[in-house]
Amino acid sequence: MGERTLRGSRLGSISYETDRNTEPAARQPGVYRCHKGHTFTVPFSDEAELPLVWECRLDGSIAKLVDGVEAETKKGKPPRTHWDMLLERRSVADLEEVLAERLEMLRGRRSQSA
């Protein structure tokens, strides 16, 4: 008897729910434009924050939100180099003195080996 009730029905492929008395979720359109001039719209929920960039549907490049506010870029510290860290520990005069001592020592080794 159980087999007869399932006959002719495609389980899982058809929804028996109706759209009557339901209202779709509120949406806001996000309009994007890529650097090649392609303009397209992406629907978002009314509660969602629109992303500033989106992948272009036509060529895959980065598209920016039309009338979107650019995010403020933070000024970061420039990267510290080895020379910068060395100057924090010693002055240029001290470094010249150390260089002179090392060169003198290396020249002394060359004269002994020759």
C-alpha atoms as a PDB file:
ATOM      1  CA  MET A   1       0.000   0.000   0.000  1.00  0.00           C
ATOM      2  CA  GLY A   2       2.896   2.372   0.794  1.00  0.00           C
ATOM      3  CA  GLU A   3       4.350   1.921  -2.665  1.00  0.00           C
ATOM      4  CA  ARG A   4       1.128   3.026  -4.346  1.00  0.00           C
ATOM      5  CA  THR A   5       1.059   6.432  -2.592  1.00  0.00           C
ATOM      6  CA  LEU A   6       4.593   7.278  -3.795  1.00  0.00           C
ATOM      7  CA  ARG A   7       4.020   6.168  -7.368  1.00  0.00           C
ATOM      8  CA  GLY A   8       4.068   9.066  -9.819  1.00  0.00           C
ATOM      9  CA  SER A   9       5.522  11.512  -7.325  1.00  0.00           C
ATOM     10  CA  ARG A  10       9.068  12.840  -7.681  1.00  0.00           C
ATOM     11  CA  LEU A  11      10.206  13.226  -4.108  1.00  0.00           C
ATOM     12  CA  GLY A  12      12.527  16.137  -3.473  1.00  0.00           C
ATOM     13  CA  SER A  13      12.336  17.569  -6.976  1.00  0.00           C
ATOM     14  CA  ILE A  14       9.007  19.362  -6.632  1.00  0.00           C
ATOM     15  CA  SER A  15       7.948  21.638  -3.829  1.00  0.00           C
ATOM     16  CA  TYR A  16       4.290  21.456  -2.907  1.00  0.00           C
ATOM     17  CA  GLU A  17       4.499  24.782  -1.088  1.00  0.00           C
ATOM     18  CA  THR A  18       2.726  27.756  -2.625  1.00  0.00           C
ATOM     19  CA  ASP A  19       3.746  31.402  -2.725  1.00  0.00           C
ATOM     20  CA  ARG A  20       0.314  32.603  -1.714  1.00  0.00           C
ATOM     21  CA  ASN A  21       0.149  35.007   1.225  1.00  0.00           C
ATOM     22  CA  THR A  22       3.932  35.432   1.334  1.00  0.00           C
ATOM     23  CA  GLU A  23       5.913  38.580   0.702  1.00  0.00           C
ATOM     24  CA  PRO A  24       9.458  38.495  -0.695  1.00  0.00           C
ATOM     25  CA  ALA A  25      12.220  39.891   1.469  1.00  0.00           C
ATOM     26  CA  ALA A  26      12.999  43.583   1.057  1.00  0.00           C
ATOM     27  CA  ARG A  27      15.906  44.154  -1.305  1.00  0.00           C
ATOM     28  CA  GLN A  28      18.218  46.958  -2.303  1.00  0.00           C
ATOM     29  CA  PRO A  29      20.071  46.981  -5.629  1.00  0.00           C
ATOM     30  CA  GLY A  30      23.819  47.454  -5.710  1.00  0.00           C
ATOM     31  CA  VAL A  31      24.975  49.003  -8.991  1.00  0.00           C
ATOM     32  CA  TYR A  32      28.572  48.208  -9.945  1.00  0.00           C
ATOM     33  CA  ARG A  33      30.804  49.398 -12.802  1.00  0.00           C
ATOM     34  CA  CYS A  34      34.146  47.912 -13.866  1.00  0.00           C
ATOM     35  CA  HIS A  35      37.032  49.807 -15.502  1.00  0.00           C
ATOM     36  CA  LYS A  36      35.936  48.549 -18.951  1.00  0.00           C
ATOM     37  CA  GLY A  37      32.581  50.309 -18.589  1.00  0.00           C
ATOM     38  CA  HIS A  38      30.382  47.276 -17.846  1.00  0.00           C
ATOM     39  CA  THR A  39      27.537  48.220 -15.498  1.00  0.00           C
ATOM     40  CA  PHE A  40      25.456  45.600 -13.676  1.00  0.00           C
ATOM     41  CA  THR A  41      23.138  45.319 -10.691  1.00  0.00           C
ATOM     42  CA  VAL A  42      23.359  42.836  -7.823  1.00  0.00           C
ATOM     43  CA  PRO A  43      20.366  42.467  -5.460  1.00  0.00           C
ATOM     44  CA  PHE A  44      21.118  42.520  -1.725  1.00  0.00           C
ATOM     45  CA  SER A  45      18.999  42.306   1.382  1.00  0.00           C
ATOM     46  CA  ASP A  46      17.785  45.638   2.729  1.00  0.00           C
ATOM     47  CA  GLU A  47      19.694  44.933   5.944  1.00  0.00           C
ATOM     48  CA  ALA A  48      22.975  44.066   4.206  1.00  0.00           C
ATOM     49  CA  GLU A  49      25.903  46.440   3.936  1.00  0.00           C
ATOM     50  CA  LEU A  50      26.851  46.784   0.269  1.00  0.00           C
ATOM     51  CA  PRO A  51      30.415  45.673  -0.522  1.00  0.00           C
ATOM     52  CA  LEU A  52      32.550  48.321  -2.219  1.00  0.00           C
ATOM     53  CA  VAL A  53      33.890  45.900  -4.850  1.00  0.00           C
ATOM     54  CA  TRP A  54      32.331  42.995  -6.754  1.00  0.00           C
ATOM     55  CA  GLU A  55      33.587  40.737  -9.530  1.00  0.00           C
ATOM     56  CA  CYS A  56      32.377  41.829 -12.966  1.00  0.00           C
ATOM     57  CA  ARG A  57      30.008  39.288 -14.486  1.00  0.00           C
ATOM     58  CA  LEU A  58      31.273  39.850 -18.026  1.00  0.00           C
ATOM     59  CA  ASP A  59      35.054  39.853 -17.760  1.00  0.00           C
ATOM     60  CA  GLY A  60      35.887  38.884 -14.156  1.00  0.00           C
ATOM     61  CA  SER A  61      37.695  42.122 -13.308  1.00  0.00           C
ATOM     62  CA  ILE A  62      37.079  44.129 -10.156  1.00  0.00           C
ATOM     63  CA  ALA A  63      34.020  46.396 -10.336  1.00  0.00           C
ATOM     64  CA  LYS A  64      33.423  49.264  -7.909  1.00  0.00           C
ATOM     65  CA  LEU A  65      30.146  50.297  -6.336  1.00  0.00           C
ATOM     66  CA  VAL A  66      28.620  53.282  -8.151  1.00  0.00           C
ATOM     67  CA  ASP A  67      28.163  56.184  -5.702  1.00  0.00           C
ATOM     68  CA  GLY A  68      29.980  54.140  -3.070  1.00  0.00           C
ATOM     69  CA  VAL A  69      32.045  55.829  -0.395  1.00  0.00           C
ATOM     70  CA  GLU A  70      35.713  54.929  -0.671  1.00  0.00           C
ATOM     71  CA  ALA A  71      37.139  53.416   2.474  1.00  0.00           C
ATOM     72  CA  GLU A  72      39.733  55.593   4.128  1.00  0.00           C
ATOM     73  CA  THR A  73      43.186  54.145   3.760  1.00  0.00           C
ATOM     74  CA  LYS A  74      45.175  54.074   6.955  1.00  0.00           C
ATOM     75  CA  LYS A  75      48.602  55.571   6.878  1.00  0.00           C
ATOM     76  CA  GLY A  76      50.919  52.800   7.873  1.00  0.00           C
ATOM     77  CA  LYS A  77      54.432  53.040   9.103  1.00  0.00           C
ATOM     78  CA  PRO A  78      57.069  52.645   6.432  1.00  0.00           C
ATOM     79  CA  PRO A  79      58.911  49.348   6.784  1.00  0.00           C
ATOM     80  CA  ARG A  80      61.992  49.536   8.958  1.00  0.00           C
ATOM     81  CA  THR A  81      65.159  48.508   7.169  1.00  0.00           C
ATOM     82  CA  HIS A  82      68.286  47.041   8.675  1.00  0.00           C
ATOM     83  CA  TRP A  83      69.976  50.427   8.289  1.00  0.00           C
ATOM     84  CA  ASP A  84      67.173  52.167  10.241  1.00  0.00           C
ATOM     85  CA  MET A  85      67.497  49.719  13.117  1.00  0.00           C
ATOM     86  CA  LEU A  86      71.279  50.106  13.097  1.00  0.00           C
ATOM     87  CA  LEU A  87      70.978  53.891  13.311  1.00  0.00           C
ATOM     88  CA  GLU A  88      68.737  53.486  16.365  1.00  0.00           C
ATOM     89  CA  ARG A  89      71.596  51.782  18.194  1.00  0.00           C
ATOM     90  CA  ARG A  90      74.638  53.697  16.886  1.00  0.00           C
ATOM     91  CA  SER A  91      75.513  57.050  15.356  1.00  0.00           C
ATOM     92  CA  VAL A  92      77.093  57.430  11.918  1.00  0.00           C
ATOM     93  CA  ALA A  93      80.397  58.443  13.542  1.00  0.00           C
ATOM     94  CA  ASP A  94      80.422  55.228  15.612  1.00  0.00           C
ATOM     95  CA  LEU A  95      79.698  53.167  12.497  1.00  0.00           C
ATOM     96  CA  GLU A  96      82.554  54.818  10.581  1.00  0.00           C
ATOM     97  CA  GLU A  97      84.902  54.042  13.462  1.00  0.00           C
ATOM     98  CA  VAL A  98      83.821  50.353  13.532  1.00  0.00           C
ATOM     99  CA  LEU A  99      84.246  50.170   9.751  1.00  0.00           C
ATOM    100  CA  ALA A 100      87.763  51.585   9.942  1.00  0.00           C
ATOM    101  CA  GLU A 101      88.722  49.043  12.639  1.00  0.00           C
ATOM    102  CA  ARG A 102      87.346  46.115  10.613  1.00  0.00           C
ATOM    103  CA  LEU A 103      89.094  47.268   7.412  1.00  0.00           C
ATOM    104  CA  GLU A 104      92.374  47.623   9.289  1.00  0.00           C
ATOM    105  CA  MET A 105      91.973  44.118  10.718  1.00  0.00           C
ATOM    106  CA  LEU A 106      91.215  42.630   7.270  1.00  0.00           C
ATOM    107  CA  ARG A 107      94.187  44.391   5.674  1.00  0.00           C
ATOM    108  CA  GLY A 108      96.383  43.030   8.455  1.00  0.00           C
ATOM    109  CA  ARG A 109      95.236  39.459   7.648  1.00  0.00           C
ATOM    110  CA  ARG A 110      96.025  39.907   3.943  1.00  0.00           C
ATOM    111  CA  SER A 111      99.546  41.168   4.611  1.00  0.00           C
ATOM    112  CA  GLN A 112     100.233  38.195   6.949  1.00  0.00           C
ATOM    113  CA  SER A 113      99.003  35.580   4.467  1.00  0.00           C
ATOM    114  CA  ALA A 114     100.910  37.012   1.500  1.00  0.00           C
END
